[in-house]
Protein backbone atom coordinates (compact mmCIF):
# COMPACT_ATOMS: atom_id res chain seq x y z
CA TYR A 1 -0.09 -0.07 -0.15
CA LYS A 2 2.65 2.40 0.93
CA ARG A 3 4.32 1.52 -2.39
CA GLN A 4 1.30 2.56 -4.33
CA VAL A 5 0.91 5.75 -2.46
CA LEU A 6 4.68 6.50 -3.18
CA MET A 7 4.02 5.70 -6.77
CA PHE A 8 0.62 8.02 -7.06
CA GLN A 9 2.95 10.77 -5.10
CA SER A 10 5.60 10.82 -7.55
CA ARG A 11 3.32 10.58 -10.55
CA PHE A 12 1.66 13.75 -9.25
CA VAL A 13 4.82 15.47 -8.76
CA ALA A 14 5.86 14.47 -12.22
CA LEU A 15 2.54 15.62 -13.66
CA ARG A 16 2.58 18.87 -11.65
CA ARG A 17 6.09 19.74 -12.78
CA TRP A 18 5.11 18.85 -16.33
CA VAL A 19 1.92 21.22 -16.37
CA LEU A 20 3.87 23.95 -14.56
CA GLY A 21 6.63 23.86 -17.31
CA ARG A 22 4.35 24.64 -20.05
CA PRO A 23 1.15 26.41 -18.63
CA VAL A 24 0.58 28.09 -21.84
CA PHE A 25 0.34 25.01 -23.66
CA VAL A 26 -1.70 23.04 -20.79
CA VAL A 27 -4.58 26.10 -20.84
CA ALA A 28 -4.53 26.61 -24.56
CA LEU A 29 -5.11 22.58 -24.82
CA LEU A 30 -7.78 22.55 -21.90
CA ALA A 31 -9.82 25.42 -23.43
CA LEU A 32 -9.56 24.16 -26.74
CA ALA A 33 -11.25 20.81 -25.66
CA ALA A 34 -13.82 22.32 -23.47
CA ARG A 35 -14.98 24.45 -26.05
CA ALA A 36 -15.08 21.98 -28.96
CA VAL A 37 -17.19 19.60 -26.58
CA VAL A 38 -19.89 22.24 -26.01
CA ALA A 39 -19.74 23.04 -29.59
CA THR A 40 -20.34 19.71 -30.60
CA VAL A 41 -23.11 19.26 -28.38
CA LEU A 42 -24.69 22.38 -29.21
CA ASN A 43 -24.49 21.52 -33.02
CA VAL A 44 -25.56 17.66 -32.66
CA SER A 45 -28.41 18.93 -30.51
CA ASP A 46 -29.68 21.76 -32.90
CA THR A 47 -29.72 24.12 -30.00
CA TRP A 48 -29.80 27.83 -30.69
CA SER A 49 -31.74 29.19 -27.68
CA LEU A 50 -28.39 29.80 -25.62
CA ALA A 51 -27.21 32.27 -28.28
CA PRO A 52 -29.92 33.53 -30.87
CA ASP A 53 -27.66 35.76 -32.13
CA ALA A 54 -25.43 33.19 -33.42
CA GLY A 55 -28.06 32.55 -36.19
CA GLN A 56 -27.72 35.83 -37.36
CA TYR A 57 -23.96 35.83 -37.96
CA LEU A 58 -24.31 32.81 -39.69
CA ALA A 59 -27.36 34.01 -42.09
CA ILE A 60 -25.17 36.96 -42.86
CA ALA A 61 -21.93 35.16 -43.51
CA GLU A 62 -23.95 32.78 -45.75
CA ALA A 63 -25.38 35.40 -47.81
CA ALA A 64 -22.05 37.37 -47.89
CA SER A 65 -20.58 34.20 -49.49
CA ASP A 66 -23.19 33.73 -52.07
CA GLY A 67 -22.88 37.54 -52.82
CA ARG A 68 -26.23 38.14 -51.84
CA ILE A 69 -26.24 40.00 -48.62
CA GLU A 70 -28.09 42.99 -50.03
CA ALA A 71 -30.89 41.11 -51.33
CA PHE A 72 -30.88 38.89 -47.99
CA TRP A 73 -31.29 41.89 -45.85
CA PRO A 74 -31.10 45.32 -47.36
CA GLY A 75 -29.50 47.95 -45.56
CA TYR A 76 -28.55 46.31 -41.77
CA GLY A 77 -27.33 43.30 -43.21
CA GLU A 78 -24.18 44.94 -45.17
CA SER A 79 -23.61 47.34 -42.18
CA LEU A 80 -23.54 44.63 -39.74
CA TYR A 81 -21.01 42.46 -41.89
CA ARG A 82 -18.61 45.56 -42.46
CA SER A 83 -18.90 46.47 -38.82
CA THR A 84 -17.84 42.98 -37.86
CA TRP A 85 -15.70 41.98 -40.80
CA ALA A 86 -12.60 40.75 -38.74
CA TYR A 87 -14.82 38.01 -37.31
CA THR A 88 -17.71 37.25 -39.94
CA GLY A 89 -15.11 37.73 -42.98
CA GLN A 90 -13.26 34.48 -41.63
CA ILE A 91 -16.39 32.65 -41.43
CA VAL A 92 -17.46 33.86 -45.26
CA GLY A 93 -14.04 32.70 -46.45
CA LEU A 94 -14.56 29.18 -44.95
CA PHE A 95 -17.96 29.25 -46.28
CA GLU A 96 -16.85 29.79 -49.63
CA ILE A 97 -14.44 27.05 -49.51
CA PHE A 98 -16.37 24.50 -47.81
CA GLY A 99 -19.92 25.26 -47.70
CA PRO A 100 -22.31 26.88 -45.12
CA PHE A 101 -21.43 24.68 -42.24
CA ARG A 102 -22.79 25.97 -38.70
CA SER A 103 -19.75 23.65 -37.11
CA LEU A 104 -17.15 26.08 -39.15
CA GLY A 105 -18.43 29.24 -37.44
CA GLN A 106 -18.14 27.60 -34.14
CA ALA A 107 -14.43 26.23 -34.86
CA VAL A 108 -13.56 29.87 -35.48
CA SER A 109 -14.93 30.94 -32.14
CA VAL A 110 -13.26 27.93 -30.28
CA VAL A 111 -10.05 28.61 -31.48
CA TYR A 112 -10.02 32.33 -30.63
CA GLY A 113 -11.54 31.23 -27.02
CA ALA A 114 -8.62 29.03 -26.41
CA VAL A 115 -6.26 31.93 -27.79
CA ALA A 116 -7.61 34.27 -25.17
CA ALA A 117 -6.97 31.91 -22.56
CA ALA A 118 -3.59 31.16 -23.71
CA ALA A 119 -2.58 34.79 -23.84
CA THR A 120 -4.20 35.49 -20.40
CA THR A 121 -1.55 32.81 -19.11
CA ALA A 122 1.34 34.14 -20.97
CA LEU A 123 0.32 37.70 -19.72
CA ALA A 124 -0.30 36.69 -16.00
CA LEU A 125 3.57 34.70 -16.29
CA ARG A 126 5.02 38.20 -16.53
CA VAL A 127 3.76 39.23 -13.43
CA VAL A 128 2.93 36.35 -11.12
CA ARG A 129 4.34 32.85 -10.47
CA ARG A 130 3.70 30.11 -12.44
CA PRO A 131 1.12 28.59 -10.24
CA PHE A 132 -1.03 31.71 -10.05
CA ALA A 133 -0.53 32.22 -14.08
CA LEU A 134 -1.85 28.67 -14.60
CA GLY A 135 -4.73 29.35 -12.21
CA ALA A 136 -5.41 32.57 -14.17
CA GLY A 137 -5.63 30.89 -17.66
CA LEU A 138 -7.74 28.17 -16.29
CA ILE A 139 -10.35 30.56 -14.96
CA VAL A 140 -10.78 32.00 -18.55
CA ALA A 141 -10.69 28.48 -19.72
CA PHE A 142 -13.38 26.84 -18.03
CA THR A 143 -15.45 30.23 -16.75
CA PRO A 144 -19.04 28.88 -18.33
CA SER A 145 -19.90 32.09 -19.97
CA GLN A 146 -16.10 32.38 -21.55
CA VAL A 147 -16.95 28.70 -22.89
CA LEU A 148 -20.17 29.20 -23.81
CA TRP A 149 -19.54 32.60 -25.78
CA SER A 150 -16.61 30.74 -27.40
CA SER A 151 -18.44 27.65 -28.36
CA VAL A 152 -21.12 29.57 -30.54
CA VAL A 153 -20.78 31.81 -33.65
CA LEU A 154 -20.32 35.00 -31.89
CA ARG A 155 -17.60 37.59 -32.07
CA GLU A 156 -17.04 37.90 -28.54
CA SER A 157 -13.98 35.37 -28.45
CA LEU A 158 -12.32 37.20 -30.94
CA ILE A 159 -12.78 40.51 -29.11
CA TRP A 160 -11.25 38.68 -25.80
CA ALA A 161 -8.43 37.19 -27.74
CA VAL A 162 -7.31 40.42 -29.17
CA LEU A 163 -7.58 42.18 -26.00
CA ALA A 164 -5.53 39.56 -24.23
CA VAL A 165 -3.04 39.38 -26.92
CA ALA A 166 -2.61 43.41 -26.88
CA GLY A 167 -2.15 43.37 -23.08
CA LEU A 168 0.61 40.78 -23.84
CA ILE A 169 2.09 43.00 -26.25
CA LEU A 170 2.11 46.16 -24.14
CA SER A 171 3.87 43.78 -21.19
CA ARG A 172 6.79 43.52 -23.66
CA LEU A 173 7.40 47.43 -23.82
CA ARG A 174 9.90 48.06 -21.01
CA ALA A 175 11.57 51.42 -20.32
CA ALA A 176 14.95 50.41 -21.92
CA SER A 177 13.52 48.78 -25.07
CA ASN A 178 15.23 49.88 -28.13
CA GLN A 179 13.55 51.38 -31.29
CA ARG A 180 13.03 48.10 -32.96
CA SER A 181 10.86 46.60 -29.98
CA VAL A 182 9.38 49.83 -29.28
CA PHE A 183 8.06 49.83 -33.37
CA ILE A 184 7.14 46.17 -33.00
CA VAL A 185 5.18 46.92 -30.17
CA VAL A 186 3.35 49.87 -31.67
CA ALA A 187 2.69 47.90 -34.84
CA GLY A 188 1.32 45.17 -32.74
CA LEU A 189 -1.28 47.58 -30.98
CA GLY A 190 -2.09 49.25 -33.99
CA LEU A 191 -3.06 45.89 -35.92
CA ALA A 192 -4.93 44.91 -32.65
CA TYR A 193 -6.80 48.48 -32.86
CA LEU A 194 -7.94 47.84 -36.42
CA VAL A 195 -9.14 44.52 -35.70
CA LEU A 196 -11.00 45.77 -32.82
CA VAL A 197 -12.74 48.69 -34.78
CA HIS A 198 -14.08 45.90 -37.31
CA LEU A 199 -15.25 44.02 -34.43
CA ARG A 200 -16.87 46.55 -32.05
CA SER A 201 -16.68 50.03 -33.63
CA GLN A 202 -18.25 51.47 -30.43
């Protein structure tokens, strides 16, 4: 019995060391898995009531991929598509290649949800110890609202991802930074800003 306990303890210590050695990867993997499971369940069960707006994004993306967005929803359809182009444009591209499948739109959100969790972990690593950074990432990875909104076809997951990456970029700017690093940070923040403008113009 003692041998089994010692073996379990040694495996637990080894697993803990492995997880803390690569917290960004672990959080990204867990976040991706959680969202993929929820997205699959919602898709297979044909559940729409948890995020009715997802149908709107899918309809606009499908109409845009067919070149009939003005006929489909005169005025507002084109306006919504342009104001959320950084997100819906990716779905339109996937629809043009593979066809208008709900799962493709969900996959986009799932990936960005995992990116948001991973970037949060990476940002936390710059200010707190590894266990706390892992905890911060796991909060983003498993908070129910975070999981749900990044398992359906909504732009929120990309907004979170861009903000987290912008924070990570900004954290790399130090008082002793050289001109090249300052240029990279400014360019990165400028790109993040442009993406946000085409996600949430408010």
